[in-house]
Amino acid sequence: MGVLQLVSRVLREVEEALEDDSLRRALERAAENNERNVARVLERHPEVEHLAREVEEAKKSVIERLDYYIDKAMESLRRVGARPYLAETPEEAREIVAGIVGRGKLVVMSKSMVAEELRLREHLEALGNRVWETDLGQLLVQLENGRPMHTIAPAVHISRVEAARLVSERLGLELSSGSPEEIVEAVRRFLREKLVHADVGITGANAVAADTGAVFLVENEGNIRIVSGLSRKHVVVTGVDKIMPTILDAFKAVLVQAAYAGLYPPTYVNVTAGPSSTADIELHRVYGAQGPREVHVVLVDNGRRRAARHPVLSEQLRCIRCGRCQLECPVWQQSANHWGGRVYGGPMGLGWTAVTESLEVAAEAAMLCLGCMRCDLVCPMEIPLSRIAAWLKRQYTRRMGLSG
């Protein structure tokens, strides 16, 4: 009982979540749907599991030589006309993006957990920019001034009634029935004007191919291809852990992520290799045709290179952010990302919080892990998430002087 008293901060957030009946009902539905959808995908497409093993091996090879692959990716990005940057800290990443965007601009963003990690939207808004999330779930999170509750489905905690209220009150959109279909159509109309007139489009990346500089993005809404393809400047913000050795490895990674998110085949897979161009006049290549004139790729370290050398935390870098472990976890099913750090929650969130935010925060949160190992069983990258949690627990007890 003494240990539980020492994790009061984590307990407070989880206790508040437990009192929210609508949250728990939403999480239960999401977990049931995901389990059923993934099982259906793997039954119909058994080749996905073979792809997962190939992706795992490719990611291991990158983690073992991360600095080499960072250099190779940056060289390839330059070769295709993109402008690469390596940001060691969140502050440096924010400064780089702010320098590209400027002030007083209209910025549209697709969902990115790394952007959340950097507090990028808030930083750009503080500089006088108008910034809009274009993923429906992430837009709802922006409107409620909250945080994503799942890595793939950020608004999993928001009911259709609450979504209708947010859209009506915060965006001033008139709704009659408040049905999901009506909400989607109203938001589509609202965002279309922003997308067409945006100065800068910011996306994350599901994978970056070191051999070619190709950036892969997987989606279902269709907003990412507009964000990345319509503005004059496209800024990619992603972790160095998303680098894959080859373009084929990168494609496999996005397919595996989509499958274990239960969304397979994905509606869209976008590949960007430099700015738009045309050579239709005398085969003279001109950059900035119908798409972006500039493509900037900010590779974010924020503890990842240090973690790559760590005997335990290096395992977390294999994560493809499918969110399968979160939906399987009995603790997350009751509390969502209230259990974890500021950005990353659930089983995967323990390791990511230790890497990108604070070992102390991650260790404290790990004390609520049940050690049931269900997360280990469903992870497509076979990351020993329960072992990471157990290691974090040991760090906590040692820090608090509780170990024998």
Protein backbone atom coordinates (compact mmCIF):
# COMPACT_ATOMS: atom_id res chain seq x y z
CA MET A 1 0.00 0.00 0.00
CA GLY A 2 2.93 2.30 0.67
CA VAL A 3 4.01 2.09 -2.97
CA LEU A 4 0.54 3.05 -4.15
CA GLN A 5 0.57 6.11 -1.92
CA LEU A 6 3.82 7.19 -3.55
CA VAL A 7 2.30 7.19 -7.01
CA SER A 8 -0.38 9.71 -6.07
CA ARG A 9 -0.01 11.79 -9.22
CA VAL A 10 -0.62 8.84 -11.51
CA LEU A 11 -3.41 7.54 -9.31
CA ARG A 12 -5.19 10.89 -9.35
CA GLU A 13 -5.36 10.97 -13.13
CA VAL A 14 -6.45 7.34 -13.36
CA GLU A 15 -9.05 7.77 -10.62
CA GLU A 16 -10.56 10.71 -12.50
CA ALA A 17 -10.74 8.57 -15.63
CA LEU A 18 -12.42 5.74 -13.70
CA GLU A 19 -15.19 8.13 -12.67
CA ASP A 20 -15.95 8.91 -16.32
CA ASP A 21 -18.48 6.27 -17.37
CA SER A 22 -18.74 7.53 -20.96
CA LEU A 23 -14.95 7.31 -21.34
CA ARG A 24 -14.84 3.71 -20.19
CA ARG A 25 -17.75 2.72 -22.43
CA ALA A 26 -16.00 4.34 -25.41
CA LEU A 27 -12.75 2.54 -24.60
CA GLU A 28 -14.50 -0.80 -24.24
CA ARG A 29 -16.14 -0.41 -27.65
CA ALA A 30 -12.84 0.63 -29.24
CA ALA A 31 -10.98 -2.33 -27.73
CA GLU A 32 -13.63 -4.81 -28.87
CA ASN A 33 -13.75 -3.37 -32.38
CA ASN A 34 -9.96 -3.32 -32.74
CA GLU A 35 -9.55 -6.92 -31.57
CA ARG A 36 -12.22 -8.10 -33.99
CA ASN A 37 -10.87 -6.03 -36.90
CA VAL A 38 -7.25 -7.12 -36.45
CA ALA A 39 -8.25 -10.78 -36.13
CA ARG A 40 -10.21 -10.47 -39.38
CA VAL A 41 -7.26 -8.82 -41.16
CA LEU A 42 -4.76 -11.47 -40.05
CA GLU A 43 -7.13 -14.28 -41.00
CA ARG A 44 -7.68 -12.89 -44.49
CA HIS A 45 -4.08 -11.75 -45.01
CA PRO A 46 -1.70 -14.17 -43.24
CA GLU A 47 1.18 -12.62 -45.18
CA VAL A 48 0.98 -9.60 -42.87
CA GLU A 49 2.59 -11.57 -40.03
CA HIS A 50 5.50 -12.45 -42.31
CA LEU A 51 5.82 -8.78 -43.25
CA ALA A 52 5.89 -7.90 -39.55
CA ARG A 53 8.91 -10.14 -38.97
CA GLU A 54 10.71 -8.52 -41.92
CA VAL A 55 9.91 -5.04 -40.59
CA GLU A 56 11.14 -6.02 -37.15
CA GLU A 57 14.50 -7.14 -38.55
CA ALA A 58 14.82 -3.97 -40.62
CA LYS A 59 14.11 -1.78 -37.60
CA LYS A 60 16.67 -3.68 -35.53
CA SER A 61 19.31 -3.03 -38.17
CA VAL A 62 18.55 0.71 -38.08
CA ILE A 63 18.63 0.92 -34.28
CA GLU A 64 22.02 -0.83 -34.20
CA ARG A 65 23.47 1.77 -36.63
CA LEU A 66 21.18 4.71 -36.06
CA ASP A 67 23.70 7.49 -36.68
CA TYR A 68 24.71 5.87 -39.98
CA TYR A 69 21.11 5.65 -41.16
CA ILE A 70 20.37 9.22 -40.09
CA ASP A 71 23.26 10.45 -42.22
CA LYS A 72 22.21 8.26 -45.13
CA ALA A 73 18.58 9.46 -44.94
CA MET A 74 19.65 13.11 -44.85
CA GLU A 75 21.92 12.59 -47.85
CA SER A 76 19.09 10.91 -49.79
CA LEU A 77 16.64 13.67 -48.86
CA ARG A 78 19.03 16.29 -50.22
CA ARG A 79 19.47 14.28 -53.40
CA VAL A 80 15.74 14.39 -54.15
CA GLY A 81 15.52 18.13 -53.48
CA ALA A 82 14.17 18.06 -49.92
CA ARG A 83 15.79 20.04 -47.09
CA PRO A 84 16.66 17.80 -44.13
CA TYR A 85 17.35 18.88 -40.54
CA LEU A 86 18.38 16.95 -37.44
CA ALA A 87 16.93 18.38 -34.22
CA GLU A 88 18.44 17.04 -31.02
CA THR A 89 15.92 18.65 -28.66
CA PRO A 90 12.24 19.73 -28.79
CA GLU A 91 13.36 23.36 -28.52
CA GLU A 92 15.61 23.00 -31.55
CA ALA A 93 12.86 21.27 -33.54
CA ARG A 94 10.36 24.02 -32.72
CA GLU A 95 12.86 26.71 -33.76
CA ILE A 96 13.55 24.98 -37.07
CA VAL A 97 9.86 24.64 -37.94
CA ALA A 98 9.10 28.19 -36.78
CA GLY A 99 11.87 29.48 -39.05
CA ILE A 100 10.34 27.66 -42.02
CA VAL A 101 6.75 28.73 -41.27
CA GLY A 102 7.31 32.32 -40.18
CA ARG A 103 4.61 34.45 -38.54
CA GLY A 104 1.04 35.31 -39.40
CA LYS A 105 0.61 32.30 -41.69
CA LEU A 106 -2.23 29.83 -42.18
CA VAL A 107 -0.94 26.37 -41.29
CA VAL A 108 -2.72 23.04 -41.70
CA MET A 109 -1.51 19.91 -39.92
CA SER A 110 -2.15 16.21 -40.18
CA LYS A 111 -2.10 14.06 -37.03
CA SER A 112 1.40 13.60 -35.63
CA MET A 113 2.34 12.29 -32.21
CA VAL A 114 5.81 13.78 -32.65
CA ALA A 115 4.19 17.19 -33.20
CA GLU A 116 2.32 16.60 -29.92
CA GLU A 117 5.61 15.62 -28.32
CA LEU A 118 7.07 18.97 -29.42
CA ARG A 119 3.96 21.05 -28.56
CA LEU A 120 4.37 22.29 -32.11
CA ARG A 121 0.88 23.59 -32.76
CA GLU A 122 0.87 25.65 -29.57
CA HIS A 123 4.30 27.07 -30.39
CA LEU A 124 3.28 28.16 -33.89
CA GLU A 125 0.06 29.69 -32.57
CA ALA A 126 2.05 31.68 -30.00
CA LEU A 127 3.98 33.19 -32.92
CA GLY A 128 0.77 34.54 -34.42
CA ASN A 129 0.00 31.76 -36.89
CA ARG A 130 -3.46 30.29 -37.47
CA VAL A 131 -3.03 26.54 -37.11
CA TRP A 132 -5.65 23.88 -37.80
CA GLU A 133 -5.56 20.13 -37.32
CA THR A 134 -7.17 18.38 -40.30
CA ASP A 135 -7.55 14.85 -38.96
CA LEU A 136 -11.09 14.77 -37.53
CA GLY A 137 -10.08 13.14 -34.26
CA GLN A 138 -7.13 15.45 -33.75
CA LEU A 139 -9.30 18.47 -34.59
CA LEU A 140 -11.75 17.43 -31.86
CA VAL A 141 -8.84 17.17 -29.43
CA GLN A 142 -7.72 20.66 -30.50
CA LEU A 143 -11.23 22.02 -29.96
CA GLU A 144 -11.48 20.55 -26.46
CA ASN A 145 -7.96 21.78 -25.65
CA GLY A 146 -7.10 18.24 -24.65
CA ARG A 147 -4.59 15.58 -25.61
CA PRO A 148 -4.76 12.47 -27.81
CA MET A 149 -6.04 9.41 -25.98
CA HIS A 150 -4.74 6.85 -28.47
CA THR A 151 -1.89 6.93 -30.95
CA ILE A 152 -4.13 6.07 -33.95
CA ALA A 153 -7.54 7.24 -32.71
CA PRO A 154 -6.82 10.44 -30.74
CA ALA A 155 -10.49 11.21 -30.04
CA VAL A 156 -11.45 7.71 -28.92
CA HIS A 157 -12.69 9.26 -25.65
CA ILE A 158 -15.08 11.73 -27.30
CA SER A 159 -18.69 10.62 -27.79
CA ARG A 160 -20.77 11.67 -30.81
CA VAL A 161 -22.77 13.98 -28.52
CA GLU A 162 -19.63 15.71 -27.27
CA ALA A 163 -18.21 15.86 -30.80
CA ALA A 164 -21.36 17.59 -32.01
CA ARG A 165 -21.17 20.07 -29.14
CA LEU A 166 -17.52 20.91 -29.85
CA VAL A 167 -18.10 21.39 -33.57
CA SER A 168 -21.20 23.50 -32.97
CA GLU A 169 -19.85 25.70 -30.17
CA ARG A 170 -16.17 26.04 -31.11
CA LEU A 171 -16.48 26.20 -34.89
CA GLY A 172 -19.91 27.81 -35.08
CA LEU A 173 -21.23 25.12 -37.40
CA GLU A 174 -24.97 24.45 -37.44
CA LEU A 175 -25.98 20.83 -36.91
CA SER A 176 -29.47 19.38 -36.96
CA SER A 177 -29.18 15.70 -36.03
CA GLY A 178 -25.63 15.64 -34.66
CA SER A 179 -25.03 12.29 -36.36
CA PRO A 180 -21.45 11.22 -37.15
CA GLU A 181 -22.23 11.63 -40.86
CA GLU A 182 -23.43 15.20 -40.36
CA ILE A 183 -20.43 16.08 -38.19
CA VAL A 184 -18.01 14.71 -40.80
CA GLU A 185 -19.69 16.65 -43.61
CA ALA A 186 -19.75 19.91 -41.62
CA VAL A 187 -16.07 19.59 -40.71
CA ARG A 188 -15.22 18.72 -44.31
CA ARG A 189 -16.77 22.00 -45.50
CA PHE A 190 -15.10 23.99 -42.73
CA LEU A 191 -11.62 22.59 -43.37
CA ARG A 192 -11.77 22.73 -47.15
CA GLU A 193 -11.33 26.50 -47.17
CA LYS A 194 -8.38 26.22 -44.76
CA LEU A 195 -6.74 23.51 -46.85
CA VAL A 196 -7.07 25.44 -50.11
CA HIS A 197 -5.62 28.68 -48.72
CA ALA A 198 -2.95 27.30 -46.37
CA ASP A 199 0.57 28.68 -46.61
CA VAL A 200 2.22 25.64 -45.01
CA GLY A 201 1.23 22.00 -44.58
CA ILE A 202 2.78 20.00 -41.73
CA THR A 203 2.69 16.22 -41.52
CA GLY A 204 4.35 13.47 -39.57
CA ALA A 205 5.75 10.35 -41.23
CA ASN A 206 5.08 6.67 -40.79
CA ALA A 207 8.42 5.81 -42.36
CA VAL A 208 11.37 7.46 -44.08
CA ALA A 209 13.43 5.40 -46.54
CA ALA A 210 17.15 5.97 -46.00
CA ASP A 211 18.12 4.78 -49.47
CA THR A 212 15.85 7.14 -51.42
CA GLY A 213 14.63 9.90 -49.10
CA ALA A 214 11.03 8.79 -49.71
CA VAL A 215 8.61 9.75 -46.93
CA PHE A 216 5.65 7.40 -46.37
CA LEU A 217 2.33 8.41 -44.84
CA VAL A 218 -0.64 6.10 -44.36
CA GLU A 219 -4.19 7.37 -43.85
CA ASN A 220 -7.87 6.82 -44.46
CA GLU A 221 -9.44 10.30 -44.35
CA GLY A 222 -7.63 11.80 -47.36
CA ASN A 223 -6.56 14.92 -45.47
CA ILE A 224 -2.85 14.06 -45.44
CA ARG A 225 -2.49 14.02 -49.21
CA ILE A 226 -4.12 17.46 -49.35
CA VAL A 227 -2.00 18.85 -46.50
CA SER A 228 1.18 17.51 -48.08
CA GLY A 229 0.28 18.23 -51.68
CA LEU A 230 -1.52 21.55 -51.88
CA SER A 231 0.48 24.06 -49.81
CA ARG A 232 3.58 25.72 -51.23
CA LYS A 233 5.62 24.42 -48.29
CA HIS A 234 5.39 20.88 -46.91
CA VAL A 235 7.10 20.30 -43.56
CA VAL A 236 7.60 16.73 -42.32
CA VAL A 237 8.25 16.33 -38.59
CA THR A 238 9.15 12.83 -37.45
CA GLY A 239 11.34 10.86 -35.08
CA VAL A 240 14.62 9.35 -36.22
CA ASP A 241 13.16 5.98 -35.18
CA LYS A 242 10.93 6.11 -38.30
CA ILE A 243 13.93 5.69 -40.62
CA MET A 244 13.92 2.40 -42.54
CA PRO A 245 16.82 1.02 -44.64
CA THR A 246 15.04 0.90 -48.00
CA ILE A 247 11.93 2.12 -49.77
CA LEU A 248 10.59 -1.45 -49.74
CA ASP A 249 11.12 -1.72 -45.98
CA ALA A 250 9.30 1.57 -45.50
CA PHE A 251 6.33 0.37 -47.55
CA LYS A 252 6.16 -2.84 -45.52
CA ALA A 253 6.20 -0.83 -42.30
CA VAL A 254 3.15 1.25 -43.23
CA LEU A 255 1.24 -1.86 -44.31
CA VAL A 256 1.97 -3.62 -41.03
CA GLN A 257 0.97 -0.56 -39.02
CA ALA A 258 -2.33 -0.28 -40.86
CA ALA A 259 -3.05 -4.00 -40.42
CA TYR A 260 -2.49 -4.00 -36.66
CA ALA A 261 -4.59 -0.87 -36.33
CA GLY A 262 -7.39 -2.92 -37.94
CA LEU A 263 -7.54 -0.63 -40.98
CA TYR A 264 -6.36 -2.84 -43.83
CA PRO A 265 -5.81 -2.23 -46.61
CA PRO A 266 -5.29 1.45 -45.85
CA THR A 267 -7.32 3.79 -48.02
CA TYR A 268 -4.28 5.89 -48.93
CA VAL A 269 -0.51 5.41 -48.84
CA ASN A 270 1.27 8.64 -49.73
CA VAL A 271 4.89 8.68 -50.86
CA THR A 272 6.75 11.99 -51.05
CA ALA A 273 10.26 12.18 -52.49
CA GLY A 274 11.12 15.87 -52.71
CA PRO A 275 9.10 18.84 -53.97
CA SER A 276 6.72 18.73 -56.91
CA SER A 277 8.25 19.30 -60.33
CA THR A 278 7.61 19.13 -64.05
CA ALA A 279 9.85 18.66 -67.07
CA ASP A 280 7.13 18.98 -69.67
CA ILE A 281 8.72 21.98 -71.40
CA GLU A 282 11.85 20.90 -73.29
CA LEU A 283 12.57 18.35 -70.52
CA HIS A 284 13.73 21.25 -68.36
CA ARG A 285 12.88 20.40 -64.74
CA VAL A 286 11.01 23.11 -62.84
CA TYR A 287 10.22 22.70 -59.15
CA GLY A 288 6.89 23.78 -57.68
CA ALA A 289 4.33 22.59 -60.19
CA GLN A 290 0.90 21.84 -58.68
CA GLY A 291 2.35 20.68 -55.36
CA PRO A 292 4.82 22.15 -52.86
CA ARG A 293 7.80 24.15 -54.06
CA GLU A 294 9.66 23.24 -50.86
CA VAL A 295 9.77 20.04 -48.79
CA HIS A 296 11.45 20.24 -45.38
CA VAL A 297 12.06 17.11 -43.29
CA VAL A 298 12.83 17.61 -39.59
CA LEU A 299 14.23 14.44 -38.02
CA VAL A 300 13.74 14.63 -34.26
CA ASP A 301 16.10 12.96 -31.80
CA ASN A 302 14.74 13.94 -28.35
CA GLY A 303 16.36 11.02 -26.54
CA ARG A 304 16.05 8.44 -29.30
CA ARG A 305 19.76 8.17 -30.14
CA ARG A 306 20.60 7.80 -26.47
CA ALA A 307 17.88 5.14 -26.12
CA ALA A 308 19.32 3.23 -29.10
CA ARG A 309 22.38 2.49 -26.94
CA HIS A 310 20.35 1.45 -23.89
CA PRO A 311 20.02 -2.32 -23.19
CA VAL A 312 16.29 -2.03 -22.34
CA LEU A 313 14.85 1.15 -23.86
CA SER A 314 16.34 0.41 -27.29
CA GLU A 315 13.60 -2.21 -27.68
CA GLN A 316 10.97 0.57 -27.66
CA LEU A 317 12.42 2.12 -30.82
CA ARG A 318 11.07 -0.82 -32.85
CA CYS A 319 7.55 0.45 -32.17
CA ILE A 320 5.51 1.29 -35.30
CA ARG A 321 2.80 3.14 -33.28
CA CYS A 322 -0.08 0.88 -34.32
CA GLY A 323 -1.59 1.25 -30.84
CA ARG A 324 -2.52 -2.43 -30.62
CA CYS A 325 -0.95 -2.81 -27.16
CA GLN A 326 -2.96 0.08 -25.78
CA LEU A 327 -6.27 -1.42 -26.80
CA GLU A 328 -5.29 -4.80 -25.35
CA CYS A 329 -4.14 -3.45 -21.98
CA PRO A 330 -6.67 -3.76 -19.09
CA VAL A 331 -5.30 -0.62 -17.42
CA TRP A 332 -5.48 1.47 -20.60
CA GLN A 333 -9.00 0.15 -21.25
CA GLN A 334 -10.08 1.92 -18.05
CA SER A 335 -8.03 5.11 -18.30
CA ALA A 336 -6.75 5.65 -21.87
CA ASN A 337 -3.73 7.95 -22.12
CA HIS A 338 -4.49 9.41 -18.70
CA TRP A 339 -2.18 6.56 -17.68
CA GLY A 340 1.25 7.56 -18.91
CA GLY A 341 3.22 10.70 -19.65
CA ARG A 342 2.14 14.01 -21.12
CA VAL A 343 1.83 12.58 -24.66
CA TYR A 344 2.31 8.82 -24.74
CA GLY A 345 0.11 6.48 -22.70
CA GLY A 346 -0.51 2.78 -22.16
CA PRO A 347 2.10 0.01 -22.48
CA MET A 348 3.95 1.65 -25.39
CA GLY A 349 3.65 4.97 -23.59
CA LEU A 350 5.79 3.83 -20.68
CA GLY A 351 8.82 3.29 -22.88
CA TRP A 352 8.21 6.34 -25.07
CA THR A 353 7.76 8.58 -22.04
CA ALA A 354 11.07 7.30 -20.63
CA VAL A 355 12.79 8.03 -23.96
CA THR A 356 11.28 11.42 -24.83
CA GLU A 357 10.07 12.99 -21.61
CA SER A 358 11.24 11.72 -18.24
CA LEU A 359 12.47 8.46 -16.79
CA GLU A 360 10.96 9.47 -13.45
CA VAL A 361 7.50 10.08 -14.90
CA ALA A 362 7.61 6.79 -16.83
CA ALA A 363 8.81 4.84 -13.78
CA GLU A 364 6.04 6.28 -11.63
CA ALA A 365 3.39 5.38 -14.21
CA ALA A 366 4.82 1.87 -14.61
CA MET A 367 3.85 1.06 -11.02
CA LEU A 368 0.25 0.63 -12.25
CA CYS A 369 1.21 -2.00 -14.84
CA LEU A 370 -0.40 -5.34 -13.92
CA GLY A 371 2.35 -7.40 -15.51
CA CYS A 372 -0.24 -9.49 -17.37
CA MET A 373 1.94 -9.51 -20.53
CA ARG A 374 -1.04 -9.17 -22.87
CA CYS A 375 0.76 -6.27 -24.58
CA ASP A 376 3.71 -8.54 -25.38
CA LEU A 377 1.45 -11.05 -27.08
CA VAL A 378 -0.16 -8.58 -29.50
CA CYS A 379 2.80 -6.35 -30.42
CA PRO A 380 3.63 -6.93 -34.11
CA MET A 381 7.26 -5.96 -33.46
CA GLU A 382 7.49 -8.41 -30.53
CA ILE A 383 8.68 -5.66 -28.20
CA PRO A 384 8.90 -7.01 -24.62
CA LEU A 385 6.75 -4.20 -23.26
CA SER A 386 6.18 -5.92 -19.93
CA ARG A 387 9.96 -6.23 -19.47
CA ILE A 388 10.36 -2.50 -20.09
CA ALA A 389 7.62 -1.84 -17.53
CA ALA A 390 9.30 -4.15 -15.00
CA TRP A 391 12.64 -2.38 -15.50
CA LEU A 392 10.95 0.99 -14.97
CA LYS A 393 9.34 -0.31 -11.78
CA ARG A 394 12.78 -1.25 -10.47
CA GLN A 395 14.04 2.26 -11.21
CA TYR A 396 11.13 3.69 -9.25
CA THR A 397 11.57 1.48 -6.19
CA ARG A 398 15.31 2.17 -6.12
CA ARG A 399 14.74 5.89 -6.38
CA MET A 400 12.24 5.77 -3.55
CA GLY A 401 14.45 3.53 -1.43
CA LEU A 402 11.95 0.69 -1.49
CA SER A 403 14.15 -2.07 -2.93
CA GLY A 404 15.49 -4.71 -0.61
